[in-house]
Amino acid sequence: MNGQTRSNIKPGITVLIVLKQDQGTGKLTKGVVRDILTKSPNHPHGIKVRLEDGQVGRVKEIVE
């Protein structure tokens, strides 16, 4: 599943996000979702989330 649809993302799931400082390189960070920050149902660059460790980024991939 991709990270562009808000309904696919729930607190507690494991995701791969791209942090703001990693947008140029596309480096992904794995973590567990704590909060969903994007209010709209879809976002072309990925839904913005806060991970359990406090990092914020846009979801690129949902880990099954």
Foldseek 3Di string as FASTA:
>chain_A
DFQFFPVVDDAFFKFWFAAPVCPVVPDTDIAGFDAFDDDDRGDPQGTWTAGPVGGIGGTGGTDD
